Amino acid sequence: MNGYVESFNAKFRDECLDEELFWSRGEAQVIVDRFRKEFNNDRPHLSLGQRTPAQVAANPEGLAPRGGMNGHASN
């Protein structure tokens, strides 16, 4: 799990924090919320099978490999 957090933190820093200059806390909240919504709803993630976190949250079973958890066909 730590790898996912580190990956998110790096993307958040590179794509949001390093690109913006925040003049107020309110402005920072708006920009961070925009990034969060895009990250969770619009951007597919390789680790989620090219689905967005919102799609996975709506259908978490879709992450299991076809044929069951061990990769073999289910009976």
PDB file of N, CA and C in Angstrom:
ATOM      1  N   MET A   1       0.824  -1.185   0.000  1.00  0.00           N
ATOM      2  CA  MET A   1       0.000   0.000   0.000  1.00  0.00           C
ATOM      3  C   MET A   1       0.870   1.252   0.000  1.00  0.00           C
ATOM      4  N   ASN A   2       1.999   1.215   0.649  1.00  0.00           N
ATOM      5  CA  ASN A   2       2.859   2.376   0.737  1.00  0.00           C
ATOM      6  C   ASN A   2       3.304   2.858  -0.648  1.00  0.00           C
ATOM      7  N   GLY A   3       3.523   1.925  -1.559  1.00  0.00           N
ATOM      8  CA  GLY A   3       3.914   2.301  -2.914  1.00  0.00           C
ATOM      9  C   GLY A   3       2.855   3.121  -3.617  1.00  0.00           C
ATOM     10  N   TYR A   4       1.578   2.792  -3.380  1.00  0.00           N
ATOM     11  CA  TYR A   4       0.480   3.555  -3.977  1.00  0.00           C
ATOM     12  C   TYR A   4       0.438   4.976  -3.418  1.00  0.00           C
ATOM     13  N   VAL A   5       0.662   5.098  -2.122  1.00  0.00           N
ATOM     14  CA  VAL A   5       0.653   6.411  -1.476  1.00  0.00           C
ATOM     15  C   VAL A   5       1.813   7.254  -1.995  1.00  0.00           C
ATOM     16  N   GLU A   6       2.981   6.649  -2.098  1.00  0.00           N
ATOM     17  CA  GLU A   6       4.140   7.372  -2.603  1.00  0.00           C
ATOM     18  C   GLU A   6       3.929   7.800  -4.045  1.00  0.00           C
ATOM     19  N   SER A   7       3.326   6.946  -4.851  1.00  0.00           N
ATOM     20  CA  SER A   7       3.043   7.285  -6.239  1.00  0.00           C
ATOM     21  C   SER A   7       2.069   8.456  -6.319  1.00  0.00           C
ATOM     22  N   PHE A   8       1.000   8.394  -5.522  1.00  0.00           N
ATOM     23  CA  PHE A   8       0.042   9.505  -5.513  1.00  0.00           C
ATOM     24  C   PHE A   8       0.719  10.794  -5.062  1.00  0.00           C
ATOM     25  N   ASN A   9       1.489  10.723  -3.973  1.00  0.00           N
ATOM     26  CA  ASN A   9       2.146  11.929  -3.467  1.00  0.00           C
ATOM     27  C   ASN A   9       3.053  12.553  -4.516  1.00  0.00           C
ATOM     28  N   ALA A  10       3.784  11.732  -5.258  1.00  0.00           N
ATOM     29  CA  ALA A  10       4.667  12.246  -6.303  1.00  0.00           C
ATOM     30  C   ALA A  10       3.862  12.917  -7.413  1.00  0.00           C
ATOM     31  N   LYS A  11       2.776  12.283  -7.846  1.00  0.00           N
ATOM     32  CA  LYS A  11       1.937  12.882  -8.895  1.00  0.00           C
ATOM     33  C   LYS A  11       1.299  14.174  -8.403  1.00  0.00           C
ATOM     34  N   PHE A  12       0.796  14.165  -7.172  1.00  0.00           N
ATOM     35  CA  PHE A  12       0.172  15.347  -6.597  1.00  0.00           C
ATOM     36  C   PHE A  12       1.172  16.506  -6.529  1.00  0.00           C
ATOM     37  N   ARG A  13       2.370  16.206  -6.089  1.00  0.00           N
ATOM     38  CA  ARG A  13       3.401  17.240  -5.988  1.00  0.00           C
ATOM     39  C   ARG A  13       3.790  17.751  -7.377  1.00  0.00           C
ATOM     40  N   ASP A  14       4.063  16.833  -8.320  1.00  0.00           N
ATOM     41  CA  ASP A  14       4.527  17.223  -9.650  1.00  0.00           C
ATOM     42  C   ASP A  14       3.449  17.922 -10.478  1.00  0.00           C
ATOM     43  N   GLU A  15       2.221  17.426 -10.403  1.00  0.00           N
ATOM     44  CA  GLU A  15       1.173  17.908 -11.299  1.00  0.00           C
ATOM     45  C   GLU A  15       0.282  18.984 -10.686  1.00  0.00           C
ATOM     46  N   CYS A  16       0.350  19.166  -9.391  1.00  0.00           N
ATOM     47  CA  CYS A  16      -0.517  20.165  -8.760  1.00  0.00           C
ATOM     48  C   CYS A  16       0.306  21.181  -7.964  1.00  0.00           C
ATOM     49  N   LEU A  17       0.963  20.724  -6.934  1.00  0.00           N
ATOM     50  CA  LEU A  17       1.633  21.664  -6.034  1.00  0.00           C
ATOM     51  C   LEU A  17       2.771  22.433  -6.696  1.00  0.00           C
ATOM     52  N   ASP A  18       3.565  21.762  -7.539  1.00  0.00           N
ATOM     53  CA  ASP A  18       4.687  22.436  -8.191  1.00  0.00           C
ATOM     54  C   ASP A  18       4.241  23.336  -9.339  1.00  0.00           C
ATOM     55  N   GLU A  19       2.999  23.176  -9.786  1.00  0.00           N
ATOM     56  CA  GLU A  19       2.500  23.956 -10.929  1.00  0.00           C
ATOM     57  C   GLU A  19       1.726  25.200 -10.504  1.00  0.00           C
ATOM     58  N   GLU A  20       1.366  25.295  -9.257  1.00  0.00           N
ATOM     59  CA  GLU A  20       0.477  26.362  -8.795  1.00  0.00           C
ATOM     60  C   GLU A  20       1.152  27.241  -7.750  1.00  0.00           C
ATOM     61  N   LEU A  21       0.715  28.480  -7.711  1.00  0.00           N
ATOM     62  CA  LEU A  21       1.095  29.398  -6.652  1.00  0.00           C
ATOM     63  C   LEU A  21      -0.198  29.777  -5.945  1.00  0.00           C
ATOM     64  N   PHE A  22      -0.324  29.387  -4.713  1.00  0.00           N
ATOM     65  CA  PHE A  22      -1.550  29.616  -3.966  1.00  0.00           C
ATOM     66  C   PHE A  22      -1.479  30.960  -3.248  1.00  0.00           C
ATOM     67  N   TRP A  23      -2.444  31.827  -3.509  1.00  0.00           N
ATOM     68  CA  TRP A  23      -2.485  33.140  -2.886  1.00  0.00           C
ATOM     69  C   TRP A  23      -3.331  33.136  -1.619  1.00  0.00           C
ATOM     70  N   SER A  24      -4.174  32.124  -1.470  1.00  0.00           N
ATOM     71  CA  SER A  24      -5.001  32.035  -0.278  1.00  0.00           C
ATOM     72  C   SER A  24      -5.337  30.575  -0.008  1.00  0.00           C
ATOM     73  N   ARG A  25      -5.799  30.318   1.190  1.00  0.00           N
ATOM     74  CA  ARG A  25      -6.218  28.955   1.547  1.00  0.00           C
ATOM     75  C   ARG A  25      -7.426  28.538   0.710  1.00  0.00           C
ATOM     76  N   GLY A  26      -8.332  29.467   0.468  1.00  0.00           N
ATOM     77  CA  GLY A  26      -9.513  29.170  -0.350  1.00  0.00           C
ATOM     78  C   GLY A  26      -9.143  28.791  -1.766  1.00  0.00           C
ATOM     79  N   GLU A  27      -8.199  29.528  -2.351  1.00  0.00           N
ATOM     80  CA  GLU A  27      -7.738  29.209  -3.700  1.00  0.00           C
ATOM     81  C   GLU A  27      -7.068  27.840  -3.726  1.00  0.00           C
ATOM     82  N   ALA A  28      -6.262  27.549  -2.719  1.00  0.00           N
ATOM     83  CA  ALA A  28      -5.606  26.240  -2.642  1.00  0.00           C
ATOM     84  C   ALA A  28      -6.645  25.130  -2.578  1.00  0.00           C
ATOM     85  N   GLN A  29      -7.700  25.330  -1.796  1.00  0.00           N
ATOM     86  CA  GLN A  29      -8.747  24.310  -1.669  1.00  0.00           C
ATOM     87  C   GLN A  29      -9.422  24.040  -3.010  1.00  0.00           C
ATOM     88  N   VAL A  30      -9.717  25.101  -3.764  1.00  0.00           N
ATOM     89  CA  VAL A  30     -10.363  24.952  -5.071  1.00  0.00           C
ATOM     90  C   VAL A  30      -9.455  24.177  -6.027  1.00  0.00           C
ATOM     91  N   ILE A  31      -8.187  24.516  -6.060  1.00  0.00           N
ATOM     92  CA  ILE A  31      -7.244  23.868  -6.987  1.00  0.00           C
ATOM     93  C   ILE A  31      -7.009  22.412  -6.588  1.00  0.00           C
ATOM     94  N   VAL A  32      -6.853  22.155  -5.295  1.00  0.00           N
ATOM     95  CA  VAL A  32      -6.647  20.781  -4.825  1.00  0.00           C
ATOM     96  C   VAL A  32      -7.896  19.938  -5.072  1.00  0.00           C
ATOM     97  N   ASP A  33      -9.073  20.500  -4.852  1.00  0.00           N
ATOM     98  CA  ASP A  33     -10.321  19.772  -5.136  1.00  0.00           C
ATOM     99  C   ASP A  33     -10.433  19.429  -6.615  1.00  0.00           C
ATOM    100  N   ARG A  34     -10.060  20.368  -7.478  1.00  0.00           N
ATOM    101  CA  ARG A  34     -10.098  20.113  -8.921  1.00  0.00           C
ATOM    102  C   ARG A  34      -9.159  18.958  -9.286  1.00  0.00           C
ATOM    103  N   PHE A  35      -7.947  18.972  -8.719  1.00  0.00           N
ATOM    104  CA  PHE A  35      -6.999  17.888  -8.981  1.00  0.00           C
ATOM    105  C   PHE A  35      -7.560  16.555  -8.490  1.00  0.00           C
ATOM    106  N   ARG A  36      -8.117  16.551  -7.270  1.00  0.00           N
ATOM    107  CA  ARG A  36      -8.663  15.321  -6.686  1.00  0.00           C
ATOM    108  C   ARG A  36      -9.793  14.751  -7.547  1.00  0.00           C
ATOM    109  N   LYS A  37     -10.699  15.607  -7.991  1.00  0.00           N
ATOM    110  CA  LYS A  37     -11.818  15.137  -8.816  1.00  0.00           C
ATOM    111  C   LYS A  37     -11.334  14.572 -10.138  1.00  0.00           C
ATOM    112  N   GLU A  38     -10.364  15.255 -10.768  1.00  0.00           N
ATOM    113  CA  GLU A  38      -9.814  14.733 -12.021  1.00  0.00           C
ATOM    114  C   GLU A  38      -9.106  13.403 -11.782  1.00  0.00           C
ATOM    115  N   PHE A  39      -8.302  13.330 -10.736  1.00  0.00           N
ATOM    116  CA  PHE A  39      -7.530  12.120 -10.433  1.00  0.00           C
ATOM    117  C   PHE A  39      -8.451  10.930 -10.175  1.00  0.00           C
ATOM    118  N   ASN A  40      -9.549  11.149  -9.468  1.00  0.00           N
ATOM    119  CA  ASN A  40     -10.452  10.055  -9.096  1.00  0.00           C
ATOM    120  C   ASN A  40     -11.508   9.722 -10.133  1.00  0.00           C
ATOM    121  N   ASN A  41     -11.900  10.673 -10.961  1.00  0.00           N
ATOM    122  CA  ASN A  41     -13.033  10.465 -11.862  1.00  0.00           C
ATOM    123  C   ASN A  41     -12.696  10.450 -13.342  1.00  0.00           C
ATOM    124  N   ASP A  42     -11.628  11.115 -13.745  1.00  0.00           N
ATOM    125  CA  ASP A  42     -11.352  11.275 -15.173  1.00  0.00           C
ATOM    126  C   ASP A  42     -10.106  10.556 -15.655  1.00  0.00           C
ATOM    127  N   ARG A  43      -9.200  10.244 -14.758  1.00  0.00           N
ATOM    128  CA  ARG A  43      -7.901   9.705 -15.163  1.00  0.00           C
ATOM    129  C   ARG A  43      -7.814   8.210 -14.901  1.00  0.00           C
ATOM    130  N   PRO A  44      -7.681   7.401 -15.963  1.00  0.00           N
ATOM    131  CA  PRO A  44      -7.503   5.958 -15.748  1.00  0.00           C
ATOM    132  C   PRO A  44      -6.125   5.676 -15.138  1.00  0.00           C
ATOM    133  N   HIS A  45      -6.069   4.643 -14.307  1.00  0.00           N
ATOM    134  CA  HIS A  45      -4.832   4.280 -13.626  1.00  0.00           C
ATOM    135  C   HIS A  45      -4.390   2.894 -14.096  1.00  0.00           C
ATOM    136  N   LEU A  46      -3.143   2.773 -14.438  1.00  0.00           N
ATOM    137  CA  LEU A  46      -2.593   1.501 -14.890  1.00  0.00           C
ATOM    138  C   LEU A  46      -2.770   0.426 -13.820  1.00  0.00           C
ATOM    139  N   SER A  47      -2.553   0.772 -12.566  1.00  0.00           N
ATOM    140  CA  SER A  47      -2.665  -0.213 -11.484  1.00  0.00           C
ATOM    141  C   SER A  47      -4.103  -0.683 -11.270  1.00  0.00           C
ATOM    142  N   LEU A  48      -5.065   0.021 -11.844  1.00  0.00           N
ATOM    143  CA  LEU A  48      -6.482  -0.347 -11.722  1.00  0.00           C
ATOM    144  C   LEU A  48      -7.029  -0.886 -13.035  1.00  0.00           C
ATOM    145  N   GLY A  49      -6.153  -1.375 -13.884  1.00  0.00           N
ATOM    146  CA  GLY A  49      -6.594  -1.933 -15.164  1.00  0.00           C
ATOM    147  C   GLY A  49      -7.148  -0.872 -16.098  1.00  0.00           C
ATOM    148  N   GLN A  50      -6.520   0.296 -16.115  1.00  0.00           N
ATOM    149  CA  GLN A  50      -6.935   1.431 -16.940  1.00  0.00           C
ATOM    150  C   GLN A  50      -8.351   1.903 -16.618  1.00  0.00           C
ATOM    151  N   ARG A  51      -8.741   1.752 -15.355  1.00  0.00           N
ATOM    152  CA  ARG A  51     -10.020   2.281 -14.886  1.00  0.00           C
ATOM    153  C   ARG A  51      -9.740   3.393 -13.893  1.00  0.00           C
ATOM    154  N   THR A  52     -10.732   4.235 -13.673  1.00  0.00           N
ATOM    155  CA  THR A  52     -10.573   5.304 -12.697  1.00  0.00           C
ATOM    156  C   THR A  52     -10.886   4.761 -11.306  1.00  0.00           C
ATOM    157  N   PRO A  53     -10.383   5.406 -10.253  1.00  0.00           N
ATOM    158  CA  PRO A  53     -10.755   4.983  -8.907  1.00  0.00           C
ATOM    159  C   PRO A  53     -12.273   5.003  -8.690  1.00  0.00           C
ATOM    160  N   ALA A  54     -12.974   5.942  -9.301  1.00  0.00           N
ATOM    161  CA  ALA A  54     -14.435   5.994  -9.158  1.00  0.00           C
ATOM    162  C   ALA A  54     -15.083   4.759  -9.775  1.00  0.00           C
ATOM    163  N   GLN A  55     -14.572   4.309 -10.913  1.00  0.00           N
ATOM    164  CA  GLN A  55     -15.112   3.096 -11.546  1.00  0.00           C
ATOM    165  C   GLN A  55     -14.848   1.877 -10.671  1.00  0.00           C
ATOM    166  N   VAL A  56     -13.686   1.800 -10.076  1.00  0.00           N
ATOM    167  CA  VAL A  56     -13.353   0.666  -9.208  1.00  0.00           C
ATOM    168  C   VAL A  56     -14.225   0.694  -7.958  1.00  0.00           C
ATOM    169  N   ALA A  57     -14.441   1.871  -7.396  1.00  0.00           N
ATOM    170  CA  ALA A  57     -15.279   1.982  -6.206  1.00  0.00           C
ATOM    171  C   ALA A  57     -16.710   1.533  -6.511  1.00  0.00           C
ATOM    172  N   ALA A  58     -17.173   1.804  -7.725  1.00  0.00           N
ATOM    173  CA  ALA A  58     -18.529   1.414  -8.110  1.00  0.00           C
ATOM    174  C   ALA A  58     -18.631  -0.083  -8.391  1.00  0.00           C
ATOM    175  N   ASN A  59     -17.524  -0.720  -8.774  1.00  0.00           N
ATOM    176  CA  ASN A  59     -17.526  -2.140  -9.116  1.00  0.00           C
ATOM    177  C   ASN A  59     -16.187  -2.762  -8.714  1.00  0.00           C
ATOM    178  N   PRO A  60     -15.915  -2.932  -7.417  1.00  0.00           N
ATOM    179  CA  PRO A  60     -14.610  -3.438  -6.981  1.00  0.00           C
ATOM    180  C   PRO A  60     -14.319  -4.864  -7.426  1.00  0.00           C
ATOM    181  N   GLU A  61     -15.352  -5.667  -7.677  1.00  0.00           N
ATOM    182  CA  GLU A  61     -15.112  -7.051  -8.115  1.00  0.00           C
ATOM    183  C   GLU A  61     -14.438  -7.090  -9.480  1.00  0.00           C
ATOM    184  N   GLY A  62     -14.564  -6.031 -10.243  1.00  0.00           N
ATOM    185  CA  GLY A  62     -13.975  -5.987 -11.573  1.00  0.00           C
ATOM    186  C   GLY A  62     -12.463  -6.051 -11.579  1.00  0.00           C
ATOM    187  N   LEU A  63     -11.825  -5.905 -10.425  1.00  0.00           N
ATOM    188  CA  LEU A  63     -10.371  -5.973 -10.369  1.00  0.00           C
ATOM    189  C   LEU A  63      -9.843  -7.402 -10.346  1.00  0.00           C
ATOM    190  N   ALA A  64     -10.674  -8.374  -9.929  1.00  0.00           N
ATOM    191  CA  ALA A  64     -10.221  -9.759  -9.859  1.00  0.00           C
ATOM    192  C   ALA A  64      -9.964 -10.275 -11.278  1.00  0.00           C
ATOM    193  N   PRO A  65      -8.883 -11.033 -11.474  1.00  0.00           N
ATOM    194  CA  PRO A  65      -8.615 -11.588 -12.799  1.00  0.00           C
ATOM    195  C   PRO A  65      -9.743 -12.512 -13.234  1.00  0.00           C
ATOM    196  N   ARG A  66      -9.956 -12.571 -14.524  1.00  0.00           N
ATOM    197  CA  ARG A  66     -10.971 -13.492 -15.037  1.00  0.00           C
ATOM    198  C   ARG A  66     -10.569 -14.916 -14.693  1.00  0.00           C
ATOM    199  N   GLY A  67     -11.535 -15.703 -14.289  1.00  0.00           N
ATOM    200  CA  GLY A  67     -11.239 -17.086 -13.935  1.00  0.00           C
ATOM    201  C   GLY A  67     -10.931 -17.252 -12.464  1.00  0.00           C
ATOM    202  N   GLY A  68     -11.124 -16.226 -11.661  1.00  0.00           N
ATOM    203  CA  GLY A  68     -10.910 -16.366 -10.220  1.00  0.00           C
ATOM    204  C   GLY A  68      -9.612 -15.744  -9.772  1.00  0.00           C
ATOM    205  N   MET A  69      -9.408 -15.763  -8.488  1.00  0.00           N
ATOM    206  CA  MET A  69      -8.261 -15.098  -7.878  1.00  0.00           C
ATOM    207  C   MET A  69      -6.933 -15.785  -8.201  1.00  0.00           C
ATOM    208  N   ASN A  70      -6.938 -17.090  -8.448  1.00  0.00           N
ATOM    209  CA  ASN A  70      -5.679 -17.785  -8.688  1.00  0.00           C
ATOM    210  C   ASN A  70      -5.335 -17.889 -10.166  1.00  0.00           C
ATOM    211  N   GLY A  71      -6.165 -17.271 -11.027  1.00  0.00           N
ATOM    212  CA  GLY A  71      -5.878 -17.289 -12.451  1.00  0.00           C
ATOM    213  C   GLY A  71      -6.365 -18.497 -13.180  1.00  0.00           C
ATOM    214  N   HIS A  72      -6.949 -19.447 -12.476  1.00  0.00           N
ATOM    215  CA  HIS A  72      -7.492 -20.658 -13.103  1.00  0.00           C
ATOM    216  C   HIS A  72      -8.992 -20.516 -13.275  1.00  0.00           C
ATOM    217  N   ALA A  73      -9.532 -21.213 -14.227  1.00  0.00           N
ATOM    218  CA  ALA A  73     -10.963 -21.145 -14.489  1.00  0.00           C
ATOM    219  C   ALA A  73     -11.745 -21.636 -13.272  1.00  0.00           C
ATOM    220  N   SER A  74     -12.831 -20.914 -12.983  1.00  0.00           N
ATOM    221  CA  SER A  74     -13.691 -21.307 -11.873  1.00  0.00           C
ATOM    222  C   SER A  74     -14.635 -22.403 -12.308  1.00  0.00           C
ATOM    223  N   ASN A  75     -15.003 -23.287 -11.388  1.00  0.00           N
ATOM    224  CA  ASN A  75     -15.937 -24.361 -11.710  1.00  0.00           C
ATOM    225  C   ASN A  75     -17.302 -24.033 -11.238  1.00  0.00           C
TER     226      ASN A  75
END
